[in-house]
Each structure stands twice: as structure tokens, then as C-alpha cells.
Amino acid sequence: MKRGIVFGMILCGSIVGVAPSFAQEASGGQFLQWRTALGGEDRFRYEYKHDFDFNKDKKDTGSQFYQRLRVGFDAALTDEYLDPKMDIFIEMLDAQTGGYQIKANSGQVDDFDLHQAFVNFIDIWGSGFDFKAGRQEFKYGKGRLVAAPTWANRIRSFDGGVIRYHNDAFYADILYGQDVKYNDNNLNVSSHVESLTGVYGGYKAQKMNLTTEGYFLSQDVTSTSPRTRRYTIGFRLFGKALGLDYDMEAPYQFGRTQNRDISAYAFHLDVSRSFGGITWKPQIAISYDEASGDKKVGDGTTNTFNPLYQSTHDPYGLLDYFRWQNMRNPELSLTLSPTDKLKVRPQVDVFWLQSTNDSWYNSSGTVVRTKTSGDRSAYVGTEASLRVFYDFSKNVKAECGYAHFFCGGYVKATGTHDDVDWVYSQITLKI
């Protein structure tokens, strides 16, 4: 058993030891009580992949299996109104993979290890301030820049702290975290060589049904030489108007990496409408994503936008061939709900490179193809997909899906260009 369990028990014990006296002082002597809960989640997914390298002559078609177990312990200190004053949470995670005819994804394996262990002091002395410290997930906005995506077996977390202020309409976080690196053979640890610092806040105008968010994020990576300092400033607007739900976000990046200045941007807009009075309650959604790519190879400035610690899988198609980096992506989806338990979602994504002088990057930031000279099209391809979601109960959820990628001119100009197929089914059990 890994040292993560021991570390978690020590942390939990030390926090519980000092918590009552702190909370008693913070609550002004109110009646306090502990409420504890033990929960977990077990998820299993099967995937069938066909020609993921666009080459039907290569034997890379087969199945992969993913299994992930999460076990968490929560202890909340509440007052006589059951309002929380302090929360202690510890979560362990075990991830395993397998493969048939193709190799298992070894990058998604991690034997039972510490995923989260934090203490959260809530509304300290009635000030509206919270303080959360320890190993934790960072999630902001829609996860386009900072997220803890759960599609992969491994889930991102940080060692650090967050100071939050909140009232009825305004909220703001000051955050610092060191990215936790997975190590299947040892305890997962973080390091100062890669850190995220920032401010993220928002204001909700009730009468306008509009929420405005703004942020400044600083990523410092010293594990590369020379070091990277990337600053991201941006805003997000979301709400309802004219019967439509909308969400818009626009960040800009500057700083320095690999002895080059950074000047990059990204943009997102989605609009959706639900028709609850119609059979199957259809919801139609249209979105557009764009992120800049490098304009000129070898100059002193890089224009490649980097989505930091972004969400994966769902935002830009299901096949994870793209992320918010050197891309243009219009998307159209339709969600149907034949019953309260069943949802069906067909979806179409079209992809172009924003700059053909830059590479094509997948969801992990790995270069898929590069062709920076000669004749090449910016059109990479079109992905068509269909997903089905079914909730057997609040604790048992299932989904399955299929996606096909139609190769475009860019793929054809850069090598093999056979279309791609992908099928998956997944079941999640919660306790």
C-alpha cells in the first residue's frame, strides 16, 4: 500500500485535532457537531478504436479497457442550523487499464494513491471568506483553462490553497497550486517547478440574468529550459436572453517561453435553446471555438495559445484530436430526452487549423501532424458522433457512443488519411 494512505491519515488526524477549538472560536460558541460520510465511485469503460493513426495498413485497431475507483471520506463541522463551518475531505484513487490487440494505455494507470486531502474553513468569523488548503481539484468557469477532467482515469489535482470571498452577488478566488504529477510506482507528488497562481472572480446581475467573470492566471514552468512564464487574462459572460442560453469567453496570453515572446488569443461562444413543451424536449446548441496558432516559424514571437490545465474529451469533439490550440471549431448538437432517464445527443464538429504555419495539437498538447511549408489545406476534417445516456438510478449511470472522423485536406496533404471510427460504453456506480 502506498504512503499516500499514511499521509492522508496523518493529515486528517492533525486537522481533526485542531479543528474543534478553531471552529468553536470562529462560531462564537455556537453549538457545533461533526457530520461524517464515506462515499465512492467505481467506473468501467470499454473502447474500440479503428485507424486512430489514419493508416488502415498498420495494425493499430483493437480494444482498450479503463477502470477507476475513487473512495472519499468527508467530515463537516456544522452549527445548529446545519450550516458548514469547516470541511475535511480525503480521497483515494485507483486506476487500471487493459488492452486487446492494441497496448493498454499505461499513462492512465495508478495504483491506490492520494488524490485529494484538504481542509476548508468556511465563512471565517462571518466575514464571507473561506480558506481551503491541501491537495485539491481546481475548477473554474467551464474548464476551458483550469479544470479537473474526469474522462481519463487520472484526474488533475494541485497542492496549494485558495482564499475565497463571496456574498450574494460577488465572488472571488486567490489561488496558488503546484500541479501534482502521477507516478504509478511511488506517491504522487507536486513540485515548485510547475505552478499556477491567479485571481478568478465574478459578479451576477440578477435583474439582467447575466454573470460576468474575469481572471488573471500565471503559469510558471521551470522544468523546461529556458523557463516558461505564461500570463492569461480574460473574461467570461453567460446567462439568458431572448429565450436563449449563451456563454462567451475570450482570453489573451502574454509572457515568454523558449526565448520567445508570447502573444496569443482564444475565443468561445455557444448559444442554445430548449423546447420543453415539445415531445422529447429537444435542446439545440451551436458553438464556435477558435485559438490562435503561430503566424511565422522562427521569429521572436509565438502566437500559439496554450489552454493551460483545460478540460478534455467533450469540449472539442469526442475523439480528443483537438484542444483550444491552433484551431477553429464550429459545432452543432441536438439533445433529445425521450424519458427523464434517457438522453440522446447527435453532434457534428468541423475543424480547421487557425494557422497552417503551426502544428495540429491533440487534447494532451501532443503534435499530431506538422506541415509548415508547401501546399496544405487548413481544413482538417469533420467529426460526427452520437451518444446515449441512461440513468438507472441516481447511483447507477450508463452511457455509450460512436464517433467517425472524416479526413480533410490537411490530413491528406500530410500523410495517410484513412477515416477513423470509435465506439465506447461506460457504466458508473456511486455509493
Foldseek 3Di string as FASTA:
>chain_A
DACQVVVQVVLVVVCVVCVVVQLCVQVVNFDKDKDKDKKKKKKKKKKWWACPLLDNVDQATWMKMKIKMKIKMKIFMAGPVRHTQKIWMWMWMAIDMQIDSHGYDPVQGAHTATQWTKMKGQCGSVQQKIKIFAKAADDDDPQLFGGQAVPGRHTKIWHWMWIWGDDDFKIKIWIKTFTWDGDRVHHTGGDPQWMKTKMKMWGQDVVVQKIKIWMWMWIWHVVDVPIWIKIKTWMKMWGDDPQKTKIKIKIWMWTDDPQATETWIKIKIKIKHWDCVDAQTKMKMKMKIAIDAAADPPDRYTHWDDSHNGYAQPPQHRVQQAGNTQKIKIKIKMWGHNDPFKIKMKMKIWMFGNHLLGFRAGNVRDGSFHDNDDDFGRTFWMKIKMKMKGDPDPFKIKMKMKMKTQGDRRVVVTDNRHIIIMIMIMMMGMD
